[in-house]
């Protein structure tokens, strides 16, 4: 009998109830097994969701940066054209001027006179844009909505003698 009682003792927990691996009383908290596969699947799903969200934010930032790069490149191109244009005054930073194409193809004029202010003697064949000199000595196109950059690029002389 001593052997049976020893085997019975080993199947039952006899220590303090707070350290028991199984509930000892009806009021004890339920001990639930953890489904490790479910925990792992939830963690992986959360990981991918978070990663895709961060990738999306970085893509938006990259698109914004590329848009800013394009705007700076456009500003450099228009600035090159303006500095090759006929300008009979020293421009002041922050002031508004007007860019015209002259009768000769590939020749341009920067003027303080707006298109509607010209009288009968126009010194140009076509109004291109209203521009402003920025503090970094580049020029900004103020009427971007009506400014056609593709037509402008066609007007720039391809071989520049500098």
C-alpha atoms as a PDB file:
ATOM      1  CA  UNK A   1       0.000   0.000   0.000  1.00  0.00           C
ATOM      2  CA  UNK A   2       2.818   2.242   0.560  1.00  0.00           C
ATOM      3  CA  UNK A   3       3.636   2.149  -3.137  1.00  0.00           C
ATOM      4  CA  UNK A   4       0.096   3.158  -4.133  1.00  0.00           C
ATOM      5  CA  UNK A   5      -0.008   6.012  -1.716  1.00  0.00           C
ATOM      6  CA  UNK A   6       3.329   7.315  -3.020  1.00  0.00           C
ATOM      7  CA  UNK A   7       2.098   7.209  -6.638  1.00  0.00           C
ATOM      8  CA  UNK A   8      -1.093   9.017  -5.606  1.00  0.00           C
ATOM      9  CA  UNK A   9       0.967  11.691  -3.884  1.00  0.00           C
ATOM     10  CA  UNK A  10       2.979  12.330  -7.020  1.00  0.00           C
ATOM     11  CA  UNK A  11      -0.162  12.992  -9.117  1.00  0.00           C
ATOM     12  CA  UNK A  12      -1.551  15.590  -6.702  1.00  0.00           C
ATOM     13  CA  UNK A  13      -0.087  18.980  -5.851  1.00  0.00           C
ATOM     14  CA  UNK A  14       0.368  19.420  -2.135  1.00  0.00           C
ATOM     15  CA  UNK A  15       2.117  22.800  -1.923  1.00  0.00           C
ATOM     16  CA  UNK A  16       0.724  26.293  -1.427  1.00  0.00           C
ATOM     17  CA  UNK A  17      -2.377  27.085  -3.501  1.00  0.00           C
ATOM     18  CA  UNK A  18      -0.925  30.329  -4.933  1.00  0.00           C
ATOM     19  CA  UNK A  19       1.883  28.361  -6.604  1.00  0.00           C
ATOM     20  CA  UNK A  20      -0.296  25.549  -7.928  1.00  0.00           C
ATOM     21  CA  UNK A  21      -0.087  24.784 -11.670  1.00  0.00           C
ATOM     22  CA  UNK A  22      -3.782  23.825 -11.642  1.00  0.00           C
ATOM     23  CA  UNK A  23      -6.804  25.495 -10.010  1.00  0.00           C
ATOM     24  CA  UNK A  24      -7.159  24.277  -6.406  1.00  0.00           C
ATOM     25  CA  UNK A  25     -10.592  25.717  -5.630  1.00  0.00           C
ATOM     26  CA  UNK A  26     -13.718  26.773  -7.503  1.00  0.00           C
ATOM     27  CA  UNK A  27     -12.810  30.444  -7.035  1.00  0.00           C
ATOM     28  CA  UNK A  28      -9.309  30.002  -8.488  1.00  0.00           C
ATOM     29  CA  UNK A  29      -8.644  31.800 -11.791  1.00  0.00           C
ATOM     30  CA  UNK A  30      -9.033  29.590 -14.812  1.00  0.00           C
ATOM     31  CA  UNK A  31      -5.791  28.489 -16.378  1.00  0.00           C
ATOM     32  CA  UNK A  32      -6.056  28.499 -20.159  1.00  0.00           C
ATOM     33  CA  UNK A  33      -3.583  27.008 -22.522  1.00  0.00           C
ATOM     34  CA  UNK A  34      -1.980  29.420 -24.950  1.00  0.00           C
ATOM     35  CA  UNK A  35      -2.304  28.615 -28.639  1.00  0.00           C
ATOM     36  CA  UNK A  36       1.205  29.530 -29.747  1.00  0.00           C
ATOM     37  CA  UNK A  37       0.321  29.298 -33.444  1.00  0.00           C
ATOM     38  CA  UNK A  38      -2.507  31.804 -33.004  1.00  0.00           C
ATOM     39  CA  UNK A  39      -0.224  34.190 -31.082  1.00  0.00           C
ATOM     40  CA  UNK A  40       2.437  33.855 -33.780  1.00  0.00           C
ATOM     41  CA  UNK A  41      -0.109  34.430 -36.589  1.00  0.00           C
ATOM     42  CA  UNK A  42      -1.474  37.556 -34.874  1.00  0.00           C
ATOM     43  CA  UNK A  43       2.053  38.913 -34.345  1.00  0.00           C
ATOM     44  CA  UNK A  44       3.018  38.292 -37.978  1.00  0.00           C
ATOM     45  CA  UNK A  45      -0.188  39.942 -39.204  1.00  0.00           C
ATOM     46  CA  UNK A  46       0.431  42.987 -37.002  1.00  0.00           C
ATOM     47  CA  UNK A  47       4.053  43.122 -38.165  1.00  0.00           C
ATOM     48  CA  UNK A  48       3.069  43.150 -41.857  1.00  0.00           C
ATOM     49  CA  UNK A  49       0.314  45.687 -41.297  1.00  0.00           C
ATOM     50  CA  UNK A  50       2.715  48.034 -39.472  1.00  0.00           C
ATOM     51  CA  UNK A  51       5.449  47.546 -42.069  1.00  0.00           C
ATOM     52  CA  UNK A  52       3.077  48.252 -44.986  1.00  0.00           C
ATOM     53  CA  UNK A  53       1.791  51.355 -43.229  1.00  0.00           C
ATOM     54  CA  UNK A  54       5.353  52.660 -42.757  1.00  0.00           C
ATOM     55  CA  UNK A  55       6.283  51.791 -46.346  1.00  0.00           C
ATOM     56  CA  UNK A  56       3.227  53.707 -47.574  1.00  0.00           C
ATOM     57  CA  UNK A  57       4.224  56.770 -45.553  1.00  0.00           C
ATOM     58  CA  UNK A  58       7.789  56.604 -46.886  1.00  0.00           C
ATOM     59  CA  UNK A  59       6.482  56.306 -50.465  1.00  0.00           C
ATOM     60  CA  UNK A  60       4.369  59.442 -49.978  1.00  0.00           C
ATOM     61  CA  UNK A  61       7.407  61.271 -48.595  1.00  0.00           C
ATOM     62  CA  UNK A  62       9.531  60.083 -51.536  1.00  0.00           C
ATOM     63  CA  UNK A  63       6.884  61.296 -54.008  1.00  0.00           C
ATOM     64  CA  UNK A  64       6.830  64.686 -52.282  1.00  0.00           C
ATOM     65  CA  UNK A  65      10.624  64.897 -52.418  1.00  0.00           C
ATOM     66  CA  UNK A  66      10.634  63.962 -56.114  1.00  0.00           C
ATOM     67  CA  UNK A  67       7.995  66.621 -56.791  1.00  0.00           C
ATOM     68  CA  UNK A  68      10.170  69.183 -55.003  1.00  0.00           C
ATOM     69  CA  UNK A  69      13.196  68.044 -57.028  1.00  0.00           C
ATOM     70  CA  UNK A  70      11.195  68.516 -60.257  1.00  0.00           C
ATOM     71  CA  UNK A  71      10.118  72.006 -59.171  1.00  0.00           C
ATOM     72  CA  UNK A  72      13.732  72.997 -58.470  1.00  0.00           C
ATOM     73  CA  UNK A  73      14.875  71.575 -61.824  1.00  0.00           C
ATOM     74  CA  UNK A  74      12.103  73.532 -63.590  1.00  0.00           C
ATOM     75  CA  UNK A  75      13.121  76.663 -61.700  1.00  0.00           C
ATOM     76  CA  UNK A  76      16.739  76.183 -62.812  1.00  0.00           C
ATOM     77  CA  UNK A  77      15.693  75.758 -66.465  1.00  0.00           C
ATOM     78  CA  UNK A  78      13.525  78.873 -66.461  1.00  0.00           C
ATOM     79  CA  UNK A  79      16.293  80.767 -64.657  1.00  0.00           C
ATOM     80  CA  UNK A  80      18.821  79.803 -67.339  1.00  0.00           C
ATOM     81  CA  UNK A  81      16.463  81.085 -70.017  1.00  0.00           C
ATOM     82  CA  UNK A  82      15.802  84.333 -68.142  1.00  0.00           C
ATOM     83  CA  UNK A  83      19.484  85.054 -67.628  1.00  0.00           C
ATOM     84  CA  UNK A  84      19.976  84.622 -71.402  1.00  0.00           C
ATOM     85  CA  UNK A  85      17.052  86.942 -72.119  1.00  0.00           C
ATOM     86  CA  UNK A  86      17.263  90.618 -72.974  1.00  0.00           C
ATOM     87  CA  UNK A  87      16.950  92.520 -69.672  1.00  0.00           C
ATOM     88  CA  UNK A  88      17.651  96.259 -69.679  1.00  0.00           C
ATOM     89  CA  UNK A  89      17.550  96.763 -65.921  1.00  0.00           C
ATOM     90  CA  UNK A  90      18.945  95.202 -62.762  1.00  0.00           C
ATOM     91  CA  UNK A  91      16.215  92.994 -61.258  1.00  0.00           C
ATOM     92  CA  UNK A  92      15.351  93.351 -57.581  1.00  0.00           C
ATOM     93  CA  UNK A  93      14.751  90.263 -55.461  1.00  0.00           C
ATOM     94  CA  UNK A  94      11.108  89.692 -54.668  1.00  0.00           C
ATOM     95  CA  UNK A  95       9.828  91.950 -57.464  1.00  0.00           C
ATOM     96  CA  UNK A  96       7.478  90.731 -60.177  1.00  0.00           C
ATOM     97  CA  UNK A  97       8.487  90.805 -63.849  1.00  0.00           C
ATOM     98  CA  UNK A  98       7.117  89.423 -67.116  1.00  0.00           C
ATOM     99  CA  UNK A  99       8.752  87.081 -69.605  1.00  0.00           C
ATOM    100  CA  UNK A 100       8.069  87.442 -73.343  1.00  0.00           C
ATOM    101  CA  UNK A 101       9.255  85.711 -76.480  1.00  0.00           C
ATOM    102  CA  UNK A 102      10.605  88.117 -79.097  1.00  0.00           C
ATOM    103  CA  UNK A 103       9.882  88.035 -82.818  1.00  0.00           C
ATOM    104  CA  UNK A 104      13.125  86.101 -83.366  1.00  0.00           C
ATOM    105  CA  UNK A 105      12.734  82.433 -82.432  1.00  0.00           C
ATOM    106  CA  UNK A 106      14.714  81.597 -79.299  1.00  0.00           C
ATOM    107  CA  UNK A 107      15.086  85.229 -78.142  1.00  0.00           C
ATOM    108  CA  UNK A 108      13.399  86.398 -74.975  1.00  0.00           C
ATOM    109  CA  UNK A 109      12.691  89.612 -73.109  1.00  0.00           C
ATOM    110  CA  UNK A 110      12.217  90.290 -69.395  1.00  0.00           C
ATOM    111  CA  UNK A 111      10.173  93.381 -68.704  1.00  0.00           C
ATOM    112  CA  UNK A 112       8.613  95.250 -65.819  1.00  0.00           C
ATOM    113  CA  UNK A 113       5.621  95.965 -68.056  1.00  0.00           C
ATOM    114  CA  UNK A 114       2.682  93.560 -67.795  1.00  0.00           C
ATOM    115  CA  UNK A 115       1.029  92.285 -71.009  1.00  0.00           C
ATOM    116  CA  UNK A 116      -2.075  94.446 -70.541  1.00  0.00           C
ATOM    117  CA  UNK A 117       0.071  97.582 -69.972  1.00  0.00           C
ATOM    118  CA  UNK A 118       1.752  97.554 -73.388  1.00  0.00           C
ATOM    119  CA  UNK A 119       0.664 100.144 -75.881  1.00  0.00           C
ATOM    120  CA  UNK A 120       0.749  99.728 -79.655  1.00  0.00           C
ATOM    121  CA  UNK A 121       4.494  99.169 -79.793  1.00  0.00           C
ATOM    122  CA  UNK A 122       5.000  95.697 -78.426  1.00  0.00           C
ATOM    123  CA  UNK A 123       8.598  94.487 -78.235  1.00  0.00           C
ATOM    124  CA  UNK A 124       7.556  90.844 -78.220  1.00  0.00           C
ATOM    125  CA  UNK A 125       5.568  88.284 -80.167  1.00  0.00           C
ATOM    126  CA  UNK A 126       4.219  86.215 -77.285  1.00  0.00           C
ATOM    127  CA  UNK A 127       3.720  86.582 -73.541  1.00  0.00           C
ATOM    128  CA  UNK A 128       5.111  83.551 -71.662  1.00  0.00           C
ATOM    129  CA  UNK A 129       4.784  84.108 -67.936  1.00  0.00           C
ATOM    130  CA  UNK A 130       4.831  86.326 -64.872  1.00  0.00           C
ATOM    131  CA  UNK A 131       8.001  85.693 -62.861  1.00  0.00           C
ATOM    132  CA  UNK A 132       9.629  86.703 -59.584  1.00  0.00           C
ATOM    133  CA  UNK A 133      13.323  86.805 -58.659  1.00  0.00           C
ATOM    134  CA  UNK A 134      13.957  84.714 -55.534  1.00  0.00           C
ATOM    135  CA  UNK A 135      16.659  85.274 -52.922  1.00  0.00           C
ATOM    136  CA  UNK A 136      18.781  82.408 -54.307  1.00  0.00           C
ATOM    137  CA  UNK A 137      18.922  84.232 -57.683  1.00  0.00           C
ATOM    138  CA  UNK A 138      16.590  81.738 -59.332  1.00  0.00           C
ATOM    139  CA  UNK A 139      13.300  82.759 -60.893  1.00  0.00           C
ATOM    140  CA  UNK A 140       9.879  81.453 -59.913  1.00  0.00           C
ATOM    141  CA  UNK A 141       6.973  81.180 -62.357  1.00  0.00           C
ATOM    142  CA  UNK A 142       3.966  82.747 -60.609  1.00  0.00           C
ATOM    143  CA  UNK A 143       1.271  81.655 -63.056  1.00  0.00           C
ATOM    144  CA  UNK A 144       2.143  77.928 -63.058  1.00  0.00           C
ATOM    145  CA  UNK A 145      -1.423  76.938 -63.945  1.00  0.00           C
ATOM    146  CA  UNK A 146      -1.305  78.706 -67.309  1.00  0.00           C
ATOM    147  CA  UNK A 147       2.415  78.162 -67.951  1.00  0.00           C
ATOM    148  CA  UNK A 148       3.071  75.293 -70.373  1.00  0.00           C
ATOM    149  CA  UNK A 149       6.523  73.973 -69.538  1.00  0.00           C
ATOM    150  CA  UNK A 150       6.645  71.676 -72.605  1.00  0.00           C
ATOM    151  CA  UNK A 151       6.173  74.626 -74.988  1.00  0.00           C
ATOM    152  CA  UNK A 152       8.712  76.591 -72.978  1.00  0.00           C
ATOM    153  CA  UNK A 153      11.330  73.830 -73.365  1.00  0.00           C
ATOM    154  CA  UNK A 154      10.778  73.902 -77.153  1.00  0.00           C
ATOM    155  CA  UNK A 155      11.550  77.624 -77.129  1.00  0.00           C
ATOM    156  CA  UNK A 156      14.911  77.200 -75.399  1.00  0.00           C
ATOM    157  CA  UNK A 157      17.786  77.143 -77.880  1.00  0.00           C
ATOM    158  CA  UNK A 158      19.313  73.643 -77.892  1.00  0.00           C
ATOM    159  CA  UNK A 159      22.963  74.677 -78.306  1.00  0.00           C
ATOM    160  CA  UNK A 160      23.994  77.346 -75.839  1.00  0.00           C
ATOM    161  CA  UNK A 161      27.066  79.399 -76.672  1.00  0.00           C
ATOM    162  CA  UNK A 162      28.499  80.186 -73.269  1.00  0.00           C
END
